[in-house]
């Protein structure tokens, strides 16, 4: 098996508080490759890098301020409340070709419950 040039006897190379270049030198094998299995990281320490082990599955989405990512669509059919979901699905299908839809709002008339003939789509 390949052995690291330094710290091979110890079996691990602690990284906490060390210069990254020094740690790389200790991880380098005789053939010039690196054995990252020898690297010892303290539990819970990310060393300034995002984890790729699946622990951080949810991505933080930056909230955008303003209306730069919102469009207003006019001449949408004014429909009764019973057909609202179907029209939303049709609009999502059409406009999802432009980008990922974050929100779709179709204002309704407060008295009749039917749509007002326009909508707002946020990408």
C-alpha atoms as a PDB file:
ATOM      1  CA  UNK A   1       0.000   0.000   0.000  1.00  0.00           C
ATOM      2  CA  UNK A   2       0.981   3.605  -0.594  1.00  0.00           C
ATOM      3  CA  UNK A   3       2.360   5.477   2.412  1.00  0.00           C
ATOM      4  CA  UNK A   4       2.434   9.177   3.127  1.00  0.00           C
ATOM      5  CA  UNK A   5       5.842  10.814   3.275  1.00  0.00           C
ATOM      6  CA  UNK A   6       5.142  12.224   6.713  1.00  0.00           C
ATOM      7  CA  UNK A   7       2.942  11.096   9.586  1.00  0.00           C
ATOM      8  CA  UNK A   8       2.464   7.658   7.998  1.00  0.00           C
ATOM      9  CA  UNK A   9       3.161   6.016  11.314  1.00  0.00           C
ATOM     10  CA  UNK A  10       0.513   8.097  13.093  1.00  0.00           C
ATOM     11  CA  UNK A  11      -2.152   7.236  10.497  1.00  0.00           C
ATOM     12  CA  UNK A  12      -3.775  10.662  10.364  1.00  0.00           C
ATOM     13  CA  UNK A  13      -2.916  14.281   9.688  1.00  0.00           C
ATOM     14  CA  UNK A  14      -4.725  16.791  11.933  1.00  0.00           C
ATOM     15  CA  UNK A  15      -5.722  19.935  10.049  1.00  0.00           C
ATOM     16  CA  UNK A  16      -7.046  22.195  12.807  1.00  0.00           C
ATOM     17  CA  UNK A  17      -5.072  25.426  13.042  1.00  0.00           C
ATOM     18  CA  UNK A  18      -2.451  24.373  10.485  1.00  0.00           C
ATOM     19  CA  UNK A  19      -1.327  26.051   7.294  1.00  0.00           C
ATOM     20  CA  UNK A  20      -3.138  24.272   4.406  1.00  0.00           C
ATOM     21  CA  UNK A  21       0.130  24.007   2.438  1.00  0.00           C
ATOM     22  CA  UNK A  22       1.762  22.160   5.343  1.00  0.00           C
ATOM     23  CA  UNK A  23      -1.195  19.784   5.612  1.00  0.00           C
ATOM     24  CA  UNK A  24      -0.973  19.043   1.861  1.00  0.00           C
ATOM     25  CA  UNK A  25       2.723  18.245   2.191  1.00  0.00           C
ATOM     26  CA  UNK A  26       1.904  15.732   4.920  1.00  0.00           C
ATOM     27  CA  UNK A  27      -0.847  14.131   2.816  1.00  0.00           C
ATOM     28  CA  UNK A  28       1.318  13.795  -0.298  1.00  0.00           C
ATOM     29  CA  UNK A  29       2.322  10.255  -1.209  1.00  0.00           C
ATOM     30  CA  UNK A  30       5.568   9.128  -2.807  1.00  0.00           C
ATOM     31  CA  UNK A  31       3.982   9.060  -6.282  1.00  0.00           C
ATOM     32  CA  UNK A  32       2.844  12.706  -5.962  1.00  0.00           C
ATOM     33  CA  UNK A  33      -0.840  11.947  -5.334  1.00  0.00           C
ATOM     34  CA  UNK A  34      -2.672  12.702  -2.085  1.00  0.00           C
ATOM     35  CA  UNK A  35      -4.247  10.342   0.426  1.00  0.00           C
ATOM     36  CA  UNK A  36      -7.177  12.286   1.837  1.00  0.00           C
ATOM     37  CA  UNK A  37      -8.122   9.302   4.016  1.00  0.00           C
ATOM     38  CA  UNK A  38      -5.241  10.312   6.276  1.00  0.00           C
ATOM     39  CA  UNK A  39      -6.727  13.771   6.835  1.00  0.00           C
ATOM     40  CA  UNK A  40      -8.248  14.197  10.291  1.00  0.00           C
ATOM     41  CA  UNK A  41     -10.892  16.923  10.649  1.00  0.00           C
ATOM     42  CA  UNK A  42     -12.465  17.841  13.962  1.00  0.00           C
ATOM     43  CA  UNK A  43     -16.169  16.859  14.147  1.00  0.00           C
ATOM     44  CA  UNK A  44     -18.464  19.756  13.291  1.00  0.00           C
ATOM     45  CA  UNK A  45     -15.637  21.948  11.975  1.00  0.00           C
ATOM     46  CA  UNK A  46     -16.179  23.131   8.385  1.00  0.00           C
ATOM     47  CA  UNK A  47     -12.928  25.119   8.022  1.00  0.00           C
ATOM     48  CA  UNK A  48     -14.790  27.781   6.043  1.00  0.00           C
ATOM     49  CA  UNK A  49     -16.097  25.380   3.370  1.00  0.00           C
ATOM     50  CA  UNK A  50     -19.611  24.097   2.826  1.00  0.00           C
ATOM     51  CA  UNK A  51     -20.078  20.426   3.605  1.00  0.00           C
ATOM     52  CA  UNK A  52     -20.646  18.025   0.733  1.00  0.00           C
ATOM     53  CA  UNK A  53     -21.616  15.038   2.894  1.00  0.00           C
ATOM     54  CA  UNK A  54     -25.376  15.634   2.600  1.00  0.00           C
ATOM     55  CA  UNK A  55     -25.744  17.180   6.053  1.00  0.00           C
ATOM     56  CA  UNK A  56     -26.605  20.536   4.490  1.00  0.00           C
ATOM     57  CA  UNK A  57     -29.217  19.298   2.020  1.00  0.00           C
ATOM     58  CA  UNK A  58     -31.238  22.496   1.938  1.00  0.00           C
ATOM     59  CA  UNK A  59     -29.725  25.326  -0.078  1.00  0.00           C
ATOM     60  CA  UNK A  60     -30.102  28.844   1.198  1.00  0.00           C
ATOM     61  CA  UNK A  61     -31.924  30.914  -1.396  1.00  0.00           C
ATOM     62  CA  UNK A  62     -31.206  34.597  -1.263  1.00  0.00           C
ATOM     63  CA  UNK A  63     -34.347  36.659  -1.153  1.00  0.00           C
ATOM     64  CA  UNK A  64     -34.415  39.247  -3.888  1.00  0.00           C
ATOM     65  CA  UNK A  65     -35.810  42.656  -3.131  1.00  0.00           C
ATOM     66  CA  UNK A  66     -37.817  44.593  -5.684  1.00  0.00           C
ATOM     67  CA  UNK A  67     -39.768  43.564  -8.739  1.00  0.00           C
ATOM     68  CA  UNK A  68     -36.898  42.582 -11.046  1.00  0.00           C
ATOM     69  CA  UNK A  69     -38.018  38.956 -11.081  1.00  0.00           C
ATOM     70  CA  UNK A  70     -41.811  39.542 -11.318  1.00  0.00           C
ATOM     71  CA  UNK A  71     -43.870  39.862 -14.488  1.00  0.00           C
ATOM     72  CA  UNK A  72     -47.484  40.913 -14.916  1.00  0.00           C
ATOM     73  CA  UNK A  73     -49.467  38.914 -17.465  1.00  0.00           C
ATOM     74  CA  UNK A  74     -52.516  40.704 -18.855  1.00  0.00           C
ATOM     75  CA  UNK A  75     -55.476  39.239 -20.792  1.00  0.00           C
ATOM     76  CA  UNK A  76     -55.604  36.070 -18.698  1.00  0.00           C
ATOM     77  CA  UNK A  77     -59.127  34.640 -18.973  1.00  0.00           C
ATOM     78  CA  UNK A  78     -61.476  35.819 -16.228  1.00  0.00           C
ATOM     79  CA  UNK A  79     -62.796  32.524 -14.908  1.00  0.00           C
ATOM     80  CA  UNK A  80     -65.001  31.338 -12.038  1.00  0.00           C
ATOM     81  CA  UNK A  81     -63.406  30.048  -8.839  1.00  0.00           C
ATOM     82  CA  UNK A  82     -64.087  26.407  -9.806  1.00  0.00           C
ATOM     83  CA  UNK A  83     -61.599  26.608 -12.707  1.00  0.00           C
ATOM     84  CA  UNK A  84     -58.921  28.549 -10.796  1.00  0.00           C
ATOM     85  CA  UNK A  85     -56.582  25.584 -10.142  1.00  0.00           C
ATOM     86  CA  UNK A  86     -56.732  24.412 -13.755  1.00  0.00           C
ATOM     87  CA  UNK A  87     -55.848  27.879 -15.100  1.00  0.00           C
ATOM     88  CA  UNK A  88     -52.965  28.135 -12.589  1.00  0.00           C
ATOM     89  CA  UNK A  89     -51.603  24.805 -13.847  1.00  0.00           C
ATOM     90  CA  UNK A  90     -51.854  25.924 -17.478  1.00  0.00           C
ATOM     91  CA  UNK A  91     -50.078  29.221 -16.736  1.00  0.00           C
ATOM     92  CA  UNK A  92     -47.351  27.397 -14.781  1.00  0.00           C
ATOM     93  CA  UNK A  93     -46.837  24.982 -17.668  1.00  0.00           C
ATOM     94  CA  UNK A  94     -46.528  27.809 -20.202  1.00  0.00           C
ATOM     95  CA  UNK A  95     -44.303  30.135 -18.167  1.00  0.00           C
ATOM     96  CA  UNK A  96     -42.084  27.429 -16.651  1.00  0.00           C
ATOM     97  CA  UNK A  97     -40.462  27.297 -20.097  1.00  0.00           C
ATOM     98  CA  UNK A  98     -39.035  30.758 -19.293  1.00  0.00           C
ATOM     99  CA  UNK A  99     -37.640  29.842 -15.857  1.00  0.00           C
ATOM    100  CA  UNK A 100     -38.411  28.357 -12.465  1.00  0.00           C
ATOM    101  CA  UNK A 101     -41.620  29.853 -11.087  1.00  0.00           C
ATOM    102  CA  UNK A 102     -41.375  30.801  -7.416  1.00  0.00           C
ATOM    103  CA  UNK A 103     -44.903  32.175  -7.081  1.00  0.00           C
ATOM    104  CA  UNK A 104     -48.014  32.767  -9.194  1.00  0.00           C
ATOM    105  CA  UNK A 105     -50.730  35.138  -7.978  1.00  0.00           C
ATOM    106  CA  UNK A 106     -54.047  35.613  -9.775  1.00  0.00           C
ATOM    107  CA  UNK A 107     -56.163  38.250  -8.017  1.00  0.00           C
ATOM    108  CA  UNK A 108     -59.850  37.414  -7.552  1.00  0.00           C
ATOM    109  CA  UNK A 109     -62.878  39.646  -7.386  1.00  0.00           C
ATOM    110  CA  UNK A 110     -63.984  39.708  -3.743  1.00  0.00           C
ATOM    111  CA  UNK A 111     -67.712  39.652  -4.617  1.00  0.00           C
ATOM    112  CA  UNK A 112     -67.875  37.055  -7.405  1.00  0.00           C
ATOM    113  CA  UNK A 113     -64.730  35.002  -6.683  1.00  0.00           C
ATOM    114  CA  UNK A 114     -63.764  35.022 -10.362  1.00  0.00           C
ATOM    115  CA  UNK A 115     -60.317  36.083 -11.509  1.00  0.00           C
ATOM    116  CA  UNK A 116     -59.731  39.667 -12.648  1.00  0.00           C
ATOM    117  CA  UNK A 117     -58.032  38.829 -15.968  1.00  0.00           C
ATOM    118  CA  UNK A 118     -54.359  39.253 -15.021  1.00  0.00           C
ATOM    119  CA  UNK A 119     -51.730  37.562 -12.901  1.00  0.00           C
ATOM    120  CA  UNK A 120     -48.292  38.094 -11.377  1.00  0.00           C
ATOM    121  CA  UNK A 121     -45.544  35.511 -11.841  1.00  0.00           C
ATOM    122  CA  UNK A 122     -42.349  35.585  -9.808  1.00  0.00           C
ATOM    123  CA  UNK A 123     -39.285  33.774 -11.170  1.00  0.00           C
END
